[in-house]
Amino acid sequence: MTAQTVTAAPSSPSASRPPGPWRRAGRRLARDRASMAALAVLLAVTAACLLAPFYARDVAHTDPFTSNVAGSVTIDGRSVDIMQPNDNPLHLGLSPIGPTWHASADLLGADSQGRDLAARLLYGGRTSLLISFCAAALCIVLAAMVGIVAGYVGGVVDAVLSRIMDIMWAVPVYLFAISLSIVTVSQGLKLGPVTIASDNLLIPICIIALVYVPYAARPVRGRVMTLRRAEFVTAARALGVPDYRIVLRDILPNVTGTLVVLAPLMMALAMMAESALSFLSIGVQAPGASWGTIIEDGEGLIYTRPMVAIAPGLAIVVVVLALNVLGDGMRDALDVRDSGRERA
């Protein structure tokens, strides 16, 4: 008998290569049921808000930005006025119709102008989500720039930037945002030859991003100061590598995890700030709508038609809670203490 030699097929480099830190973090996050539930809620809310034009045009057949106090809706084959007499003994005054639970006829009721609340809720969600996302992204970019420069350069630059951040930190967030909003709402924003109108969404985006920069810049600065003393940074400097290459190739990739963890938390803070400013009429301006402006519309109806204020308030609570849960899950998944081991 002749012996047969069996040669094993060489394994591909990708099969033997260990998963990277981002893939391990993604696997840990995918196994976190709370984070996945929060992500599903955020995706569902975002998808619903993106479908606002379809709902208003093809389902509710209404214009949520046009007053409709003299209009009526059809419920179970009968016409019902949108503005109805109050429920007091003398039936004095008029109140908008309450929830009908019919998608084609003021599902959640109407506001004081007779506009469909459900349609305005979806349109307002688009505005609130857009402002909070853009403000959080801008805040993260500015905080990364300030934190990396202050932490890496150090010395006088660090001292100056840190004192500026301390001054901004000392002023209450909402007082700072309200002060800036009052000025820009009355005059707009002029940046040299460029003038931004007071009703432009760029104004609340820039204001909210600016007031939260110190909150995101501090942890970035601390992380960069730790990395600056790391051996691989010291070795790169000894080899004569330029500082900008060290920052781009060594510092920034190691700070990205911190920035990713901060993103959903900053978005939650931005959403609450936008809602507060819009509620005070110094955020989103008419004819635009956000969840904060809808709560303002429902303030005068809190005893007769509370759904006008409750619905956007619940939407804010749900989104902010989901963002915080997702942020906690991302923090645990990207925790450097767990980077070398997998969770059971």
Protein backbone atom coordinates (compact mmCIF):
# COMPACT_ATOMS: atom_id res chain seq x y z
CA MET A 1 0.00 0.00 0.00
CA THR A 2 1.20 3.47 -0.79
CA ALA A 3 0.79 6.21 1.72
CA GLN A 4 -1.26 9.18 0.60
CA THR A 5 -0.24 12.61 1.68
CA VAL A 6 -3.06 15.02 2.43
CA THR A 7 -2.12 18.63 2.04
CA ALA A 8 -4.21 21.13 3.97
CA ALA A 9 -5.44 24.08 2.02
CA PRO A 10 -3.75 27.27 3.09
CA SER A 11 -6.01 29.51 5.11
CA SER A 12 -6.74 32.94 3.79
CA PRO A 13 -5.24 35.91 5.62
CA SER A 14 -8.72 37.31 6.33
CA ALA A 15 -9.78 34.09 8.07
CA SER A 16 -6.89 34.16 10.53
CA ARG A 17 -6.93 37.88 11.07
CA PRO A 18 -8.50 38.80 14.45
CA PRO A 19 -11.46 41.17 14.37
CA GLY A 20 -10.64 44.84 14.82
CA PRO A 21 -11.78 46.95 17.76
CA TRP A 22 -14.70 48.47 15.86
CA ARG A 23 -15.97 45.05 14.81
CA ARG A 24 -15.70 43.76 18.38
CA ALA A 25 -17.52 46.84 19.62
CA GLY A 26 -20.23 46.31 17.01
CA ARG A 27 -20.69 42.70 18.11
CA ARG A 28 -20.96 43.70 21.76
CA LEU A 29 -23.46 46.43 20.89
CA ALA A 30 -25.51 44.00 18.79
CA ARG A 31 -25.79 41.67 21.80
CA ASP A 32 -27.09 44.50 24.00
CA ARG A 33 -30.86 44.13 23.76
CA ALA A 34 -31.60 47.49 25.37
CA SER A 35 -29.38 49.31 22.88
CA MET A 36 -30.89 47.47 19.94
CA ALA A 37 -34.39 48.29 21.18
CA ALA A 38 -33.41 51.96 21.53
CA LEU A 39 -31.93 51.94 18.02
CA ALA A 40 -35.12 50.38 16.66
CA VAL A 41 -37.22 53.09 18.34
CA LEU A 42 -35.02 55.84 16.87
CA LEU A 43 -35.20 54.33 13.39
CA ALA A 44 -38.99 53.95 13.66
CA VAL A 45 -39.47 57.55 14.79
CA THR A 46 -37.15 58.83 12.07
CA ALA A 47 -38.92 56.80 9.39
CA ALA A 48 -42.34 58.02 10.57
CA CYS A 49 -41.20 61.65 10.49
CA LEU A 50 -39.71 61.25 7.01
CA LEU A 51 -43.11 60.01 5.84
CA ALA A 52 -44.83 63.19 7.09
CA PRO A 53 -45.57 64.53 3.55
CA PHE A 54 -47.09 61.20 2.54
CA TYR A 55 -49.28 61.10 5.68
CA ALA A 56 -50.48 64.69 5.29
CA ARG A 57 -51.12 64.47 1.54
CA ASP A 58 -52.38 60.91 0.99
CA VAL A 59 -53.76 59.80 4.37
CA ALA A 60 -54.99 62.82 6.30
CA HIS A 61 -55.57 64.97 3.18
CA THR A 62 -54.66 68.15 5.01
CA ASP A 63 -52.16 70.99 5.06
CA PRO A 64 -50.68 71.11 8.58
CA PHE A 65 -49.40 74.67 8.06
CA THR A 66 -52.71 76.28 7.04
CA SER A 67 -55.37 77.47 9.50
CA ASN A 68 -58.57 75.44 9.27
CA VAL A 69 -60.81 76.81 12.03
CA ALA A 70 -63.87 76.78 9.75
CA GLY A 71 -63.22 73.29 8.40
CA SER A 72 -64.81 69.94 9.15
CA VAL A 73 -63.89 66.27 9.03
CA THR A 74 -65.88 63.19 8.12
CA ILE A 75 -66.11 60.55 10.86
CA ASP A 76 -68.14 57.39 10.27
CA GLY A 77 -69.99 59.02 7.41
CA ARG A 78 -70.98 62.23 9.20
CA SER A 79 -69.45 65.67 9.05
CA VAL A 80 -68.02 67.05 12.30
CA ASP A 81 -66.81 70.62 12.79
CA ILE A 82 -63.16 70.90 13.78
CA MET A 83 -63.88 73.74 16.22
CA GLN A 84 -66.52 72.68 18.73
CA PRO A 85 -68.23 74.37 21.70
CA ASN A 86 -66.48 73.98 25.04
CA ASP A 87 -67.69 71.41 27.52
CA ASN A 88 -68.58 74.02 30.19
CA PRO A 89 -72.22 74.38 31.29
CA LEU A 90 -72.78 77.50 29.16
CA HIS A 91 -70.84 76.08 26.17
CA LEU A 92 -68.94 79.37 25.83
CA GLY A 93 -65.99 79.53 23.49
CA LEU A 94 -64.67 76.98 21.03
CA SER A 95 -62.10 74.23 21.36
CA PRO A 96 -60.52 72.12 18.61
CA ILE A 97 -61.69 68.58 18.08
CA GLY A 98 -60.05 65.94 20.24
CA PRO A 99 -58.52 62.64 19.11
CA THR A 100 -60.74 60.77 16.66
CA TRP A 101 -58.40 57.77 16.26
CA HIS A 102 -59.17 57.83 12.53
CA ALA A 103 -56.02 58.32 10.44
CA SER A 104 -57.92 60.22 7.76
CA ALA A 105 -59.72 62.56 10.18
CA ASP A 106 -57.52 64.30 12.76
CA LEU A 107 -56.08 61.15 14.33
CA LEU A 108 -54.82 62.97 17.45
CA GLY A 109 -57.17 65.93 17.19
CA ALA A 110 -56.42 69.48 16.09
CA ASP A 111 -54.70 72.51 17.56
CA SER A 112 -56.16 75.97 18.22
CA GLN A 113 -55.86 76.81 14.50
CA GLY A 114 -57.71 73.68 13.42
CA ARG A 115 -54.57 72.04 12.02
CA ASP A 116 -54.15 68.26 12.13
CA LEU A 117 -52.05 67.47 15.22
CA ALA A 118 -50.70 64.14 13.95
CA ALA A 119 -49.44 65.70 10.71
CA ARG A 120 -47.86 68.60 12.59
CA LEU A 121 -46.30 66.13 15.03
CA LEU A 122 -44.57 64.32 12.17
CA TYR A 123 -43.44 67.52 10.50
CA GLY A 124 -42.27 68.89 13.84
CA GLY A 125 -40.33 65.70 14.43
CA ARG A 126 -38.47 66.19 11.17
CA THR A 127 -37.40 69.66 12.28
CA SER A 128 -36.46 68.62 15.82
CA LEU A 129 -34.48 65.60 14.65
CA LEU A 130 -32.72 67.63 11.95
CA ILE A 131 -31.72 70.42 14.34
CA SER A 132 -30.59 68.04 17.10
CA PHE A 133 -28.58 65.87 14.68
CA CYS A 134 -26.87 68.80 12.94
CA ALA A 135 -26.23 70.62 16.22
CA ALA A 136 -24.72 67.49 17.78
CA ALA A 137 -22.52 66.88 14.71
CA LEU A 138 -21.31 70.50 14.67
CA CYS A 139 -20.72 70.42 18.42
CA ILE A 140 -18.66 67.22 18.13
CA VAL A 141 -16.53 68.71 15.34
CA LEU A 142 -15.86 71.94 17.25
CA ALA A 143 -15.20 70.05 20.49
CA ALA A 144 -12.78 67.70 18.72
CA MET A 145 -10.85 70.64 17.28
CA VAL A 146 -10.68 72.49 20.60
CA GLY A 147 -9.92 69.38 22.66
CA ILE A 148 -7.21 68.04 20.34
CA VAL A 149 -5.47 71.40 19.97
CA ALA A 150 -5.60 72.14 23.71
CA GLY A 151 -4.58 68.64 24.77
CA TYR A 152 -1.81 68.11 22.23
CA VAL A 153 -0.21 71.55 22.07
CA GLY A 154 -0.51 72.32 25.78
CA GLY A 155 1.16 75.35 27.35
CA VAL A 156 -0.30 78.78 26.68
CA VAL A 157 -2.67 77.49 24.00
CA ASP A 158 -4.13 74.96 26.41
CA ALA A 159 -4.43 77.59 29.15
CA VAL A 160 -6.26 80.08 26.90
CA LEU A 161 -8.67 77.53 25.41
CA SER A 162 -9.34 76.00 28.82
CA ARG A 163 -10.17 79.40 30.35
CA ILE A 164 -12.56 80.17 27.47
CA MET A 165 -14.24 76.82 28.02
CA ASP A 166 -14.43 77.52 31.78
CA ILE A 167 -16.16 80.85 31.13
CA MET A 168 -18.69 79.20 28.83
CA TRP A 169 -19.12 76.38 31.33
CA ALA A 170 -19.84 78.86 34.15
CA VAL A 171 -22.85 80.34 32.32
CA PRO A 172 -26.00 78.18 32.61
CA VAL A 173 -26.65 76.45 29.31
CA TYR A 174 -30.22 77.62 28.80
CA LEU A 175 -29.46 81.18 29.90
CA PHE A 176 -26.58 81.29 27.42
CA ALA A 177 -28.71 79.83 24.62
CA ILE A 178 -31.66 82.13 25.39
CA SER A 179 -29.42 85.21 25.36
CA LEU A 180 -27.94 84.31 21.98
CA SER A 181 -31.34 83.37 20.56
CA ILE A 182 -32.99 86.65 21.57
CA VAL A 183 -30.31 88.63 19.73
CA THR A 184 -30.37 86.51 16.59
CA VAL A 185 -34.17 86.18 16.42
CA SER A 186 -34.61 89.95 16.48
CA GLN A 187 -31.76 90.84 14.11
CA GLY A 188 -30.74 87.68 12.32
CA LEU A 189 -27.09 86.70 12.10
CA LYS A 190 -24.55 88.65 10.08
CA LEU A 191 -21.21 87.04 9.30
CA GLY A 192 -19.42 89.56 7.13
CA PRO A 193 -21.13 89.64 3.74
CA VAL A 194 -23.36 86.69 4.68
CA THR A 195 -26.67 87.36 6.43
CA ILE A 196 -28.71 84.51 7.92
CA ALA A 197 -32.41 85.28 8.37
CA SER A 198 -33.94 84.89 11.82
CA ASP A 199 -36.19 82.04 10.66
CA ASN A 200 -33.30 79.99 9.23
CA LEU A 201 -32.67 76.69 11.00
CA LEU A 202 -28.94 77.39 10.92
CA ILE A 203 -29.37 79.83 13.80
CA PRO A 204 -30.70 77.36 16.42
CA ILE A 205 -28.28 74.73 15.11
CA CYS A 206 -25.25 77.01 15.61
CA ILE A 207 -26.44 78.31 18.99
CA ILE A 208 -27.12 74.87 20.44
CA ALA A 209 -23.84 73.49 19.08
CA LEU A 210 -21.89 76.40 20.55
CA VAL A 211 -23.28 76.23 24.08
CA TYR A 212 -22.50 72.51 24.42
CA VAL A 213 -18.93 72.63 23.08
CA PRO A 214 -17.36 72.80 26.60
CA TYR A 215 -19.22 69.66 27.67
CA ALA A 216 -17.75 67.64 24.81
CA ALA A 217 -14.33 69.32 24.62
CA ARG A 218 -13.30 68.48 28.18
CA PRO A 219 -13.31 64.67 27.84
CA VAL A 220 -11.61 64.95 24.43
CA ARG A 221 -8.88 67.15 25.90
CA GLY A 222 -8.31 64.71 28.75
CA ARG A 223 -8.05 61.77 26.36
CA VAL A 224 -5.58 63.63 24.12
CA MET A 225 -3.41 64.60 27.08
CA THR A 226 -3.18 60.92 27.99
CA LEU A 227 -2.33 59.92 24.42
CA ARG A 228 0.31 62.65 24.14
CA ARG A 229 2.37 60.84 26.78
CA ALA A 230 1.92 57.43 25.17
CA GLU A 231 4.97 55.55 23.91
CA PHE A 232 3.91 55.43 20.26
CA VAL A 233 3.48 59.22 20.18
CA THR A 234 6.86 59.72 21.86
CA ALA A 235 8.48 57.35 19.35
CA ALA A 236 6.86 59.18 16.42
CA ARG A 237 8.20 62.48 17.70
CA ALA A 238 11.68 60.99 18.15
CA LEU A 239 11.61 59.85 14.52
CA GLY A 240 10.82 63.38 13.40
CA VAL A 241 7.23 62.77 12.30
CA PRO A 242 5.44 66.12 11.83
CA ASP A 243 2.87 67.03 14.46
CA TYR A 244 -0.02 67.18 11.98
CA ARG A 245 0.67 63.58 10.91
CA ILE A 246 0.81 62.44 14.52
CA VAL A 247 -2.53 64.11 15.18
CA LEU A 248 -4.18 62.67 12.07
CA ARG A 249 -2.71 59.15 12.22
CA ASP A 250 -2.23 58.53 15.95
CA ILE A 251 -4.30 60.94 18.04
CA LEU A 252 -7.52 61.29 16.05
CA PRO A 253 -8.17 57.54 15.54
CA ASN A 254 -7.78 56.96 19.28
CA VAL A 255 -10.17 59.82 20.10
CA THR A 256 -12.84 58.69 17.65
CA GLY A 257 -14.33 56.25 20.16
CA THR A 258 -14.87 59.07 22.66
CA LEU A 259 -16.50 61.22 19.98
CA VAL A 260 -18.79 58.39 18.89
CA VAL A 261 -19.94 57.81 22.48
CA LEU A 262 -20.60 61.53 22.96
CA ALA A 263 -22.66 61.84 19.76
CA PRO A 264 -26.02 60.38 20.95
CA LEU A 265 -25.73 62.13 24.31
CA MET A 266 -25.09 65.47 22.61
CA MET A 267 -28.04 64.84 20.30
CA ALA A 268 -30.31 64.24 23.30
CA LEU A 269 -29.12 67.46 24.95
CA ALA A 270 -29.56 69.35 21.68
CA MET A 271 -33.12 68.11 21.31
CA MET A 272 -34.07 69.29 24.79
CA ALA A 273 -32.42 72.65 24.18
CA GLU A 274 -34.20 73.10 20.86
CA SER A 275 -37.54 72.22 22.43
CA ALA A 276 -36.98 74.73 25.23
CA LEU A 277 -35.99 77.53 22.84
CA SER A 278 -38.90 76.81 20.50
CA PHE A 279 -41.32 76.70 23.43
CA LEU A 280 -40.14 80.21 24.33
CA SER A 281 -40.65 81.35 20.70
CA ILE A 282 -36.93 81.99 20.19
CA GLY A 283 -36.11 78.75 18.40
CA VAL A 284 -37.93 77.53 15.30
CA GLN A 285 -39.98 80.39 13.87
CA ALA A 286 -43.36 80.30 12.14
CA PRO A 287 -44.46 78.91 9.77
CA GLY A 288 -42.05 76.14 10.72
CA ALA A 289 -42.97 73.60 13.38
CA SER A 290 -41.03 71.56 15.89
CA TRP A 291 -42.02 69.56 18.93
CA GLY A 292 -41.23 72.60 21.09
CA THR A 293 -43.51 74.92 19.10
CA ILE A 294 -46.32 72.37 19.21
CA ILE A 295 -46.04 72.22 23.01
CA GLU A 296 -46.30 76.01 23.01
CA ASP A 297 -49.45 75.75 20.86
CA GLY A 298 -50.95 73.34 23.39
CA GLU A 299 -50.19 75.46 26.45
CA GLY A 300 -53.52 77.28 26.22
CA LEU A 301 -55.40 74.01 25.59
CA ILE A 302 -53.91 72.04 28.47
CA TYR A 303 -57.28 71.78 30.27
CA THR A 304 -59.55 71.24 27.26
CA ARG A 305 -57.36 69.44 24.70
CA PRO A 306 -54.26 68.21 26.59
CA MET A 307 -53.24 65.92 23.74
CA VAL A 308 -51.85 68.93 21.84
CA ALA A 309 -49.12 69.33 24.49
CA ILE A 310 -48.87 65.72 25.65
CA ALA A 311 -48.15 64.16 22.23
CA PRO A 312 -44.98 66.17 21.40
CA GLY A 313 -43.87 65.93 25.03
CA LEU A 314 -44.07 62.14 24.90
CA ALA A 315 -42.22 62.14 21.59
CA ILE A 316 -39.37 64.13 23.13
CA VAL A 317 -39.24 61.81 26.16
CA VAL A 318 -39.15 58.69 23.99
CA VAL A 319 -36.41 59.98 21.66
CA VAL A 320 -34.24 61.40 24.45
CA LEU A 321 -34.57 58.20 26.48
CA ALA A 322 -33.69 56.07 23.44
CA LEU A 323 -30.64 58.24 22.71
CA ASN A 324 -29.41 57.93 26.29
CA VAL A 325 -29.87 54.16 26.32
CA LEU A 326 -28.06 53.87 22.98
CA GLY A 327 -25.28 56.13 24.25
CA ASP A 328 -24.82 53.97 27.34
CA GLY A 329 -24.64 50.85 25.18
CA MET A 330 -22.08 52.44 22.87
CA ARG A 331 -20.00 53.53 25.85
CA ASP A 332 -19.96 49.97 27.21
CA ALA A 333 -19.19 48.51 23.78
CA LEU A 334 -16.29 50.89 23.17
CA ASP A 335 -14.93 50.78 26.72
CA VAL A 336 -11.14 50.36 26.52
CA ARG A 337 -11.25 48.10 29.55
CA ASP A 338 -13.26 45.60 27.51
CA SER A 339 -11.33 46.02 24.26
CA GLY A 340 -9.25 42.90 24.79
CA ARG A 341 -12.00 40.48 25.67
CA GLU A 342 -15.41 39.45 24.45
CA ARG A 343 -18.46 39.49 26.64
CA ALA A 344 -20.11 36.21 27.39
